[in-house]
Amino acid sequence: TLEVNLVAGTVGGTVASLCTHPFDVIKTWSQTKERGAGGATGTFSLGREIVRQEGPAYLWRGNVPRLLKVAPSCAIVLATYELLKVVL
């Protein structure tokens, strides 16, 4: 049903956003912070540096605005796909 597809899309988008957001934070951090010759460069070493300097919650900083965009978007996409799959 439409309601099930909307809920499934919302939940899927939320879980995906929560899982991938820390990697986006690490990517943004690596693009904006300047490091000396001995600075961290790899994904996991940068993640450790962020947690050490800012705390673990920093990896999910800014996730609420992202969730407000991604969750409804995924719900609409999944519901539309399932509807068109039946119609076409």
PDB file of N, CA and C in Angstrom:
ATOM      1  N   THR A   1       0.834  -1.192   0.000  1.00  0.00           N
ATOM      2  CA  THR A   1       0.000   0.000   0.000  1.00  0.00           C
ATOM      3  C   THR A   1       0.875   1.251   0.000  1.00  0.00           C
ATOM      4  N   LEU A   2       0.259   2.350  -0.306  1.00  0.00           N
ATOM      5  CA  LEU A   2       0.984   3.619  -0.345  1.00  0.00           C
ATOM      6  C   LEU A   2       1.598   3.953   1.004  1.00  0.00           C
ATOM      7  N   GLU A   3       0.838   3.747   2.066  1.00  0.00           N
ATOM      8  CA  GLU A   3       1.331   4.080   3.408  1.00  0.00           C
ATOM      9  C   GLU A   3       2.559   3.252   3.773  1.00  0.00           C
ATOM     10  N   VAL A   4       2.518   1.958   3.450  1.00  0.00           N
ATOM     11  CA  VAL A   4       3.658   1.080   3.752  1.00  0.00           C
ATOM     12  C   VAL A   4       4.888   1.542   2.984  1.00  0.00           C
ATOM     13  N   ASN A   5       4.720   1.899   1.714  1.00  0.00           N
ATOM     14  CA  ASN A   5       5.851   2.358   0.910  1.00  0.00           C
ATOM     15  C   ASN A   5       6.403   3.683   1.414  1.00  0.00           C
ATOM     16  N   LEU A   6       5.518   4.573   1.859  1.00  0.00           N
ATOM     17  CA  LEU A   6       5.993   5.846   2.411  1.00  0.00           C
ATOM     18  C   LEU A   6       6.791   5.630   3.699  1.00  0.00           C
ATOM     19  N   VAL A   7       6.290   4.766   4.567  1.00  0.00           N
ATOM     20  CA  VAL A   7       6.998   4.478   5.822  1.00  0.00           C
ATOM     21  C   VAL A   7       8.327   3.783   5.529  1.00  0.00           C
ATOM     22  N   ALA A   8       8.309   2.807   4.619  1.00  0.00           N
ATOM     23  CA  ALA A   8       9.546   2.088   4.282  1.00  0.00           C
ATOM     24  C   ALA A   8      10.589   3.034   3.702  1.00  0.00           C
ATOM     25  N   GLY A   9      10.179   3.948   2.834  1.00  0.00           N
ATOM     26  CA  GLY A   9      11.107   4.919   2.267  1.00  0.00           C
ATOM     27  C   GLY A   9      11.670   5.855   3.316  1.00  0.00           C
ATOM     28  N   THR A  10      10.808   6.287   4.237  1.00  0.00           N
ATOM     29  CA  THR A  10      11.252   7.171   5.316  1.00  0.00           C
ATOM     30  C   THR A  10      12.264   6.478   6.216  1.00  0.00           C
ATOM     31  N   VAL A  11      11.944   5.252   6.615  1.00  0.00           N
ATOM     32  CA  VAL A  11      12.852   4.499   7.488  1.00  0.00           C
ATOM     33  C   VAL A  11      14.164   4.214   6.769  1.00  0.00           C
ATOM     34  N   GLY A  12      14.075   3.789   5.512  1.00  0.00           N
ATOM     35  CA  GLY A  12      15.291   3.499   4.745  1.00  0.00           C
ATOM     36  C   GLY A  12      16.166   4.722   4.576  1.00  0.00           C
ATOM     37  N   GLY A  13      15.560   5.858   4.264  1.00  0.00           N
ATOM     38  CA  GLY A  13      16.328   7.092   4.114  1.00  0.00           C
ATOM     39  C   GLY A  13      16.958   7.544   5.410  1.00  0.00           C
ATOM     40  N   THR A  14      16.230   7.363   6.504  1.00  0.00           N
ATOM     41  CA  THR A  14      16.756   7.744   7.822  1.00  0.00           C
ATOM     42  C   THR A  14      17.951   6.888   8.202  1.00  0.00           C
ATOM     43  N   VAL A  15      17.820   5.580   8.045  1.00  0.00           N
ATOM     44  CA  VAL A  15      18.926   4.669   8.385  1.00  0.00           C
ATOM     45  C   VAL A  15      20.136   4.953   7.508  1.00  0.00           C
ATOM     46  N   ALA A  16      19.909   5.131   6.212  1.00  0.00           N
ATOM     47  CA  ALA A  16      21.027   5.415   5.304  1.00  0.00           C
ATOM     48  C   ALA A  16      21.729   6.713   5.685  1.00  0.00           C
ATOM     49  N   SER A  17      20.957   7.730   6.031  1.00  0.00           N
ATOM     50  CA  SER A  17      21.543   9.007   6.410  1.00  0.00           C
ATOM     51  C   SER A  17      22.361   8.893   7.695  1.00  0.00           C
ATOM     52  N   LEU A  18      21.814   8.190   8.684  1.00  0.00           N
ATOM     53  CA  LEU A  18      22.530   8.021   9.951  1.00  0.00           C
ATOM     54  C   LEU A  18      23.833   7.249   9.766  1.00  0.00           C
ATOM     55  N   CYS A  19      23.833   6.290   8.850  1.00  0.00           N
ATOM     56  CA  CYS A  19      25.035   5.467   8.622  1.00  0.00           C
ATOM     57  C   CYS A  19      26.103   6.193   7.807  1.00  0.00           C
ATOM     58  N   THR A  20      25.683   7.033   6.864  1.00  0.00           N
ATOM     59  CA  THR A  20      26.657   7.653   5.966  1.00  0.00           C
ATOM     60  C   THR A  20      27.089   9.060   6.381  1.00  0.00           C
ATOM     61  N   HIS A  21      26.329   9.706   7.258  1.00  0.00           N
ATOM     62  CA  HIS A  21      26.648  11.085   7.632  1.00  0.00           C
ATOM     63  C   HIS A  21      28.063  11.253   8.221  1.00  0.00           C
ATOM     64  N   PRO A  22      28.516  10.346   9.102  1.00  0.00           N
ATOM     65  CA  PRO A  22      29.879  10.526   9.619  1.00  0.00           C
ATOM     66  C   PRO A  22      30.936  10.578   8.517  1.00  0.00           C
ATOM     67  N   PHE A  23      30.748   9.812   7.432  1.00  0.00           N
ATOM     68  CA  PHE A  23      31.721   9.840   6.344  1.00  0.00           C
ATOM     69  C   PHE A  23      31.678  11.173   5.599  1.00  0.00           C
ATOM     70  N   ASP A  24      30.508  11.784   5.493  1.00  0.00           N
ATOM     71  CA  ASP A  24      30.419  13.109   4.886  1.00  0.00           C
ATOM     72  C   ASP A  24      31.093  14.158   5.763  1.00  0.00           C
ATOM     73  N   VAL A  25      30.943  14.016   7.075  1.00  0.00           N
ATOM     74  CA  VAL A  25      31.617  14.941   7.999  1.00  0.00           C
ATOM     75  C   VAL A  25      33.129  14.809   7.854  1.00  0.00           C
ATOM     76  N   ILE A  26      33.616  13.575   7.784  1.00  0.00           N
ATOM     77  CA  ILE A  26      35.057  13.337   7.622  1.00  0.00           C
ATOM     78  C   ILE A  26      35.544  13.929   6.304  1.00  0.00           C
ATOM     79  N   LYS A  27      34.780  13.725   5.226  1.00  0.00           N
ATOM     80  CA  LYS A  27      35.148  14.274   3.917  1.00  0.00           C
ATOM     81  C   LYS A  27      35.228  15.797   3.970  1.00  0.00           C
ATOM     82  N   THR A  28      34.203  16.427   4.564  1.00  0.00           N
ATOM     83  CA  THR A  28      34.190  17.888   4.658  1.00  0.00           C
ATOM     84  C   THR A  28      35.340  18.385   5.517  1.00  0.00           C
ATOM     85  N   TRP A  29      35.589  17.691   6.616  1.00  0.00           N
ATOM     86  CA  TRP A  29      36.702  18.043   7.509  1.00  0.00           C
ATOM     87  C   TRP A  29      38.022  18.007   6.732  1.00  0.00           C
ATOM     88  N   SER A  30      38.212  16.945   5.939  1.00  0.00           N
ATOM     89  CA  SER A  30      39.474  16.800   5.206  1.00  0.00           C
ATOM     90  C   SER A  30      39.628  17.883   4.140  1.00  0.00           C
ATOM     91  N   GLN A  31      38.519  18.389   3.621  1.00  0.00           N
ATOM     92  CA  GLN A  31      38.585  19.417   2.582  1.00  0.00           C
ATOM     93  C   GLN A  31      38.780  20.817   3.148  1.00  0.00           C
ATOM     94  N   THR A  32      38.433  21.010   4.415  1.00  0.00           N
ATOM     95  CA  THR A  32      38.467  22.364   4.959  1.00  0.00           C
ATOM     96  C   THR A  32      39.558  22.608   5.990  1.00  0.00           C
ATOM     97  N   LYS A  33      40.060  21.574   6.629  1.00  0.00           N
ATOM     98  CA  LYS A  33      41.074  21.760   7.667  1.00  0.00           C
ATOM     99  C   LYS A  33      42.466  21.669   7.056  1.00  0.00           C
ATOM    100  N   GLU A  34      43.337  22.533   7.534  1.00  0.00           N
ATOM    101  CA  GLU A  34      44.721  22.473   7.087  1.00  0.00           C
ATOM    102  C   GLU A  34      45.523  21.641   8.073  1.00  0.00           C
ATOM    103  N   ARG A  35      46.393  20.832   7.546  1.00  0.00           N
ATOM    104  CA  ARG A  35      47.225  19.972   8.384  1.00  0.00           C
ATOM    105  C   ARG A  35      48.700  20.164   8.040  1.00  0.00           C
ATOM    106  N   GLY A  36      49.534  19.933   9.027  1.00  0.00           N
ATOM    107  CA  GLY A  36      50.967  19.962   8.803  1.00  0.00           C
ATOM    108  C   GLY A  36      51.422  18.683   8.124  1.00  0.00           C
ATOM    109  N   ALA A  37      52.705  18.494   8.007  1.00  0.00           N
ATOM    110  CA  ALA A  37      53.260  17.332   7.309  1.00  0.00           C
ATOM    111  C   ALA A  37      52.855  16.024   7.974  1.00  0.00           C
ATOM    112  N   GLY A  38      52.648  16.021   9.293  1.00  0.00           N
ATOM    113  CA  GLY A  38      52.317  14.785   9.996  1.00  0.00           C
ATOM    114  C   GLY A  38      50.833  14.597  10.218  1.00  0.00           C
ATOM    115  N   GLY A  39      49.981  15.378   9.569  1.00  0.00           N
ATOM    116  CA  GLY A  39      48.538  15.317   9.801  1.00  0.00           C
ATOM    117  C   GLY A  39      47.905  14.048   9.255  1.00  0.00           C
ATOM    118  N   ALA A  40      46.750  13.715   9.787  1.00  0.00           N
ATOM    119  CA  ALA A  40      46.020  12.531   9.345  1.00  0.00           C
ATOM    120  C   ALA A  40      45.479  12.769   7.939  1.00  0.00           C
ATOM    121  N   THR A  41      45.493  11.716   7.118  1.00  0.00           N
ATOM    122  CA  THR A  41      45.007  11.859   5.751  1.00  0.00           C
ATOM    123  C   THR A  41      43.972  10.800   5.379  1.00  0.00           C
ATOM    124  N   GLY A  42      44.010   9.629   5.975  1.00  0.00           N
ATOM    125  CA  GLY A  42      43.068   8.568   5.636  1.00  0.00           C
ATOM    126  C   GLY A  42      41.726   8.770   6.329  1.00  0.00           C
ATOM    127  N   THR A  43      40.711   8.101   5.817  1.00  0.00           N
ATOM    128  CA  THR A  43      39.357   8.247   6.358  1.00  0.00           C
ATOM    129  C   THR A  43      39.298   7.915   7.838  1.00  0.00           C
ATOM    130  N   PHE A  44      39.824   6.755   8.218  1.00  0.00           N
ATOM    131  CA  PHE A  44      39.711   6.339   9.614  1.00  0.00           C
ATOM    132  C   PHE A  44      40.638   7.127  10.531  1.00  0.00           C
ATOM    133  N   SER A  45      41.813   7.512  10.038  1.00  0.00           N
ATOM    134  CA  SER A  45      42.691   8.342  10.881  1.00  0.00           C
ATOM    135  C   SER A  45      42.083   9.736  11.060  1.00  0.00           C
ATOM    136  N   LEU A  46      41.439  10.254  10.024  1.00  0.00           N
ATOM    137  CA  LEU A  46      40.747  11.538  10.178  1.00  0.00           C
ATOM    138  C   LEU A  46      39.570  11.411  11.146  1.00  0.00           C
ATOM    139  N   GLY A  47      38.850  10.291  11.058  1.00  0.00           N
ATOM    140  CA  GLY A  47      37.747  10.050  11.997  1.00  0.00           C
ATOM    141  C   GLY A  47      38.231  10.028  13.430  1.00  0.00           C
ATOM    142  N   ARG A  48      39.350   9.353  13.661  1.00  0.00           N
ATOM    143  CA  ARG A  48      39.921   9.313  15.020  1.00  0.00           C
ATOM    144  C   ARG A  48      40.348  10.709  15.471  1.00  0.00           C
ATOM    145  N   GLU A  49      40.922  11.482  14.547  1.00  0.00           N
ATOM    146  CA  GLU A  49      41.344  12.842  14.888  1.00  0.00           C
ATOM    147  C   GLU A  49      40.133  13.708  15.259  1.00  0.00           C
ATOM    148  N   ILE A  50      39.044  13.582  14.511  1.00  0.00           N
ATOM    149  CA  ILE A  50      37.826  14.342  14.803  1.00  0.00           C
ATOM    150  C   ILE A  50      37.280  13.956  16.170  1.00  0.00           C
ATOM    151  N   VAL A  51      37.196  12.647  16.444  1.00  0.00           N
ATOM    152  CA  VAL A  51      36.669  12.186  17.733  1.00  0.00           C
ATOM    153  C   VAL A  51      37.562  12.666  18.873  1.00  0.00           C
ATOM    154  N   ARG A  52      38.861  12.640  18.665  1.00  0.00           N
ATOM    155  CA  ARG A  52      39.792  13.081  19.710  1.00  0.00           C
ATOM    156  C   ARG A  52      39.655  14.581  19.975  1.00  0.00           C
ATOM    157  N   GLN A  53      39.523  15.379  18.905  1.00  0.00           N
ATOM    158  CA  GLN A  53      39.474  16.833  19.063  1.00  0.00           C
ATOM    159  C   GLN A  53      38.087  17.364  19.429  1.00  0.00           C
ATOM    160  N   GLU A  54      37.051  16.784  18.828  1.00  0.00           N
ATOM    161  CA  GLU A  54      35.705  17.345  18.958  1.00  0.00           C
ATOM    162  C   GLU A  54      34.725  16.461  19.730  1.00  0.00           C
ATOM    163  N   GLY A  55      35.039  15.176  19.891  1.00  0.00           N
ATOM    164  CA  GLY A  55      34.121  14.243  20.539  1.00  0.00           C
ATOM    165  C   GLY A  55      33.316  13.464  19.503  1.00  0.00           C
ATOM    166  N   PRO A  56      32.801  12.295  19.889  1.00  0.00           N
ATOM    167  CA  PRO A  56      32.102  11.439  18.928  1.00  0.00           C
ATOM    168  C   PRO A  56      30.817  12.051  18.360  1.00  0.00           C
ATOM    169  N   ALA A  57      30.136  12.878  19.115  1.00  0.00           N
ATOM    170  CA  ALA A  57      28.876  13.476  18.634  1.00  0.00           C
ATOM    171  C   ALA A  57      29.109  14.376  17.422  1.00  0.00           C
ATOM    172  N   TYR A  58      30.325  14.868  17.271  1.00  0.00           N
ATOM    173  CA  TYR A  58      30.648  15.756  16.152  1.00  0.00           C
ATOM    174  C   TYR A  58      30.430  15.068  14.807  1.00  0.00           C
ATOM    175  N   LEU A  59      30.579  13.741  14.766  1.00  0.00           N
ATOM    176  CA  LEU A  59      30.418  13.003  13.513  1.00  0.00           C
ATOM    177  C   LEU A  59      28.983  13.062  12.991  1.00  0.00           C
ATOM    178  N   TRP A  60      28.025  13.360  13.860  1.00  0.00           N
ATOM    179  CA  TRP A  60      26.619  13.462  13.446  1.00  0.00           C
ATOM    180  C   TRP A  60      26.120  14.905  13.480  1.00  0.00           C
ATOM    181  N   ARG A  61      27.041  15.844  13.602  1.00  0.00           N
ATOM    182  CA  ARG A  61      26.670  17.255  13.634  1.00  0.00           C
ATOM    183  C   ARG A  61      26.060  17.644  12.283  1.00  0.00           C
ATOM    184  N   GLY A  62      24.928  18.312  12.322  1.00  0.00           N
ATOM    185  CA  GLY A  62      24.266  18.724  11.098  1.00  0.00           C
ATOM    186  C   GLY A  62      23.388  17.648  10.482  1.00  0.00           C
ATOM    187  N   ASN A  63      23.163  16.555  11.194  1.00  0.00           N
ATOM    188  CA  ASN A  63      22.381  15.465  10.632  1.00  0.00           C
ATOM    189  C   ASN A  63      20.886  15.772  10.587  1.00  0.00           C
ATOM    190  N   VAL A  64      20.376  16.609  11.480  1.00  0.00           N
ATOM    191  CA  VAL A  64      18.931  16.901  11.500  1.00  0.00           C
ATOM    192  C   VAL A  64      18.472  17.571  10.198  1.00  0.00           C
ATOM    193  N   PRO A  65      19.141  18.616   9.717  1.00  0.00           N
ATOM    194  CA  PRO A  65      18.708  19.188   8.438  1.00  0.00           C
ATOM    195  C   PRO A  65      18.791  18.178   7.289  1.00  0.00           C
ATOM    196  N   ARG A  66      19.807  17.352   7.313  1.00  0.00           N
ATOM    197  CA  ARG A  66      19.942  16.331   6.279  1.00  0.00           C
ATOM    198  C   ARG A  66      18.776  15.343   6.351  1.00  0.00           C
ATOM    199  N   LEU A  67      18.409  14.914   7.567  1.00  0.00           N
ATOM    200  CA  LEU A  67      17.283  13.988   7.725  1.00  0.00           C
ATOM    201  C   LEU A  67      15.979  14.626   7.255  1.00  0.00           C
ATOM    202  N   LEU A  68      15.813  15.918   7.506  1.00  0.00           N
ATOM    203  CA  LEU A  68      14.603  16.609   7.077  1.00  0.00           C
ATOM    204  C   LEU A  68      14.476  16.652   5.554  1.00  0.00           C
ATOM    205  N   LYS A  69      15.593  16.544   4.867  1.00  0.00           N
ATOM    206  CA  LYS A  69      15.580  16.505   3.408  1.00  0.00           C
ATOM    207  C   LYS A  69      15.504  15.074   2.891  1.00  0.00           C
ATOM    208  N   VAL A  70      16.345  14.191   3.424  1.00  0.00           N
ATOM    209  CA  VAL A  70      16.505  12.852   2.871  1.00  0.00           C
ATOM    210  C   VAL A  70      15.310  11.945   3.156  1.00  0.00           C
ATOM    211  N   ALA A  71      14.788  11.951   4.364  1.00  0.00           N
ATOM    212  CA  ALA A  71      13.712  11.012   4.716  1.00  0.00           C
ATOM    213  C   ALA A  71      12.465  11.207   3.848  1.00  0.00           C
ATOM    214  N   PRO A  72      11.935  12.432   3.712  1.00  0.00           N
ATOM    215  CA  PRO A  72      10.772  12.588   2.841  1.00  0.00           C
ATOM    216  C   PRO A  72      11.089  12.298   1.374  1.00  0.00           C
ATOM    217  N   SER A  73      12.296  12.667   0.960  1.00  0.00           N
ATOM    218  CA  SER A  73      12.697  12.418  -0.423  1.00  0.00           C
ATOM    219  C   SER A  73      12.697  10.923  -0.734  1.00  0.00           C
ATOM    220  N   CYS A  74      13.280  10.131   0.144  1.00  0.00           N
ATOM    221  CA  CYS A  74      13.312   8.676  -0.060  1.00  0.00           C
ATOM    222  C   CYS A  74      11.905   8.089  -0.013  1.00  0.00           C
ATOM    223  N   ALA A  75      11.056   8.618   0.850  1.00  0.00           N
ATOM    224  CA  ALA A  75       9.673   8.142   0.928  1.00  0.00           C
ATOM    225  C   ALA A  75       8.952   8.393  -0.388  1.00  0.00           C
ATOM    226  N   ILE A  76       9.106   9.575  -0.945  1.00  0.00           N
ATOM    227  CA  ILE A  76       8.444   9.915  -2.202  1.00  0.00           C
ATOM    228  C   ILE A  76       8.987   9.065  -3.350  1.00  0.00           C
ATOM    229  N   VAL A  77      10.288   8.905  -3.409  1.00  0.00           N
ATOM    230  CA  VAL A  77      10.891   8.120  -4.485  1.00  0.00           C
ATOM    231  C   VAL A  77      10.413   6.671  -4.429  1.00  0.00           C
ATOM    232  N   LEU A  78      10.453   6.054  -3.261  1.00  0.00           N
ATOM    233  CA  LEU A  78      10.045   4.650  -3.151  1.00  0.00           C
ATOM    234  C   LEU A  78       8.564   4.483  -3.457  1.00  0.00           C
ATOM    235  N   ALA A  79       7.725   5.345  -2.916  1.00  0.00           N
ATOM    236  CA  ALA A  79       6.289   5.237  -3.160  1.00  0.00           C
ATOM    237  C   ALA A  79       5.962   5.448  -4.638  1.00  0.00           C
ATOM    238  N   THR A  80       6.635   6.403  -5.272  1.00  0.00           N
ATOM    239  CA  THR A  80       6.418   6.646  -6.692  1.00  0.00           C
ATOM    240  C   THR A  80       6.870   5.458  -7.528  1.00  0.00           C
ATOM    241  N   TYR A  81       8.022   4.918  -7.207  1.00  0.00           N
ATOM    242  CA  TYR A  81       8.532   3.752  -7.930  1.00  0.00           C
ATOM    243  C   TYR A  81       7.562   2.580  -7.826  1.00  0.00           C
ATOM    244  N   GLU A  82       7.111   2.283  -6.622  1.00  0.00           N
ATOM    245  CA  GLU A  82       6.200   1.152  -6.421  1.00  0.00           C
ATOM    246  C   GLU A  82       4.866   1.377  -7.133  1.00  0.00           C
ATOM    247  N   LEU A  83       4.378   2.608  -7.131  1.00  0.00           N
ATOM    248  CA  LEU A  83       3.126   2.916  -7.812  1.00  0.00           C
ATOM    249  C   LEU A  83       3.285   2.756  -9.327  1.00  0.00           C
ATOM    250  N   LEU A  84       4.353   3.313  -9.871  1.00  0.00           N
ATOM    251  CA  LEU A  84       4.582   3.223 -11.322  1.00  0.00           C
ATOM    252  C   LEU A  84       4.883   1.798 -11.763  1.00  0.00           C
ATOM    253  N   LYS A  85       5.475   1.014 -10.888  1.00  0.00           N
ATOM    254  CA  LYS A  85       5.757  -0.381 -11.206  1.00  0.00           C
ATOM    255  C   LYS A  85       4.446  -1.139 -11.451  1.00  0.00           C
ATOM    256  N   VAL A  86       3.442  -0.822 -10.683  1.00  0.00           N
ATOM    257  CA  VAL A  86       2.133  -1.476 -10.827  1.00  0.00           C
ATOM    258  C   VAL A  86       1.397  -0.926 -12.054  1.00  0.00           C
ATOM    259  N   VAL A  87       1.441   0.392 -12.224  1.00  0.00           N
ATOM    260  CA  VAL A  87       0.718   1.044 -13.318  1.00  0.00           C
ATOM    261  C   VAL A  87       1.300   0.685 -14.677  1.00  0.00           C
ATOM    262  N   LEU A  88       2.599   0.709 -14.778  1.00  0.00           N
ATOM    263  CA  LEU A  88       3.245   0.423 -16.061  1.00  0.00           C
ATOM    264  C   LEU A  88       3.451  -1.055 -16.159  1.00  0.00           C
TER     265      LEU A  88
END
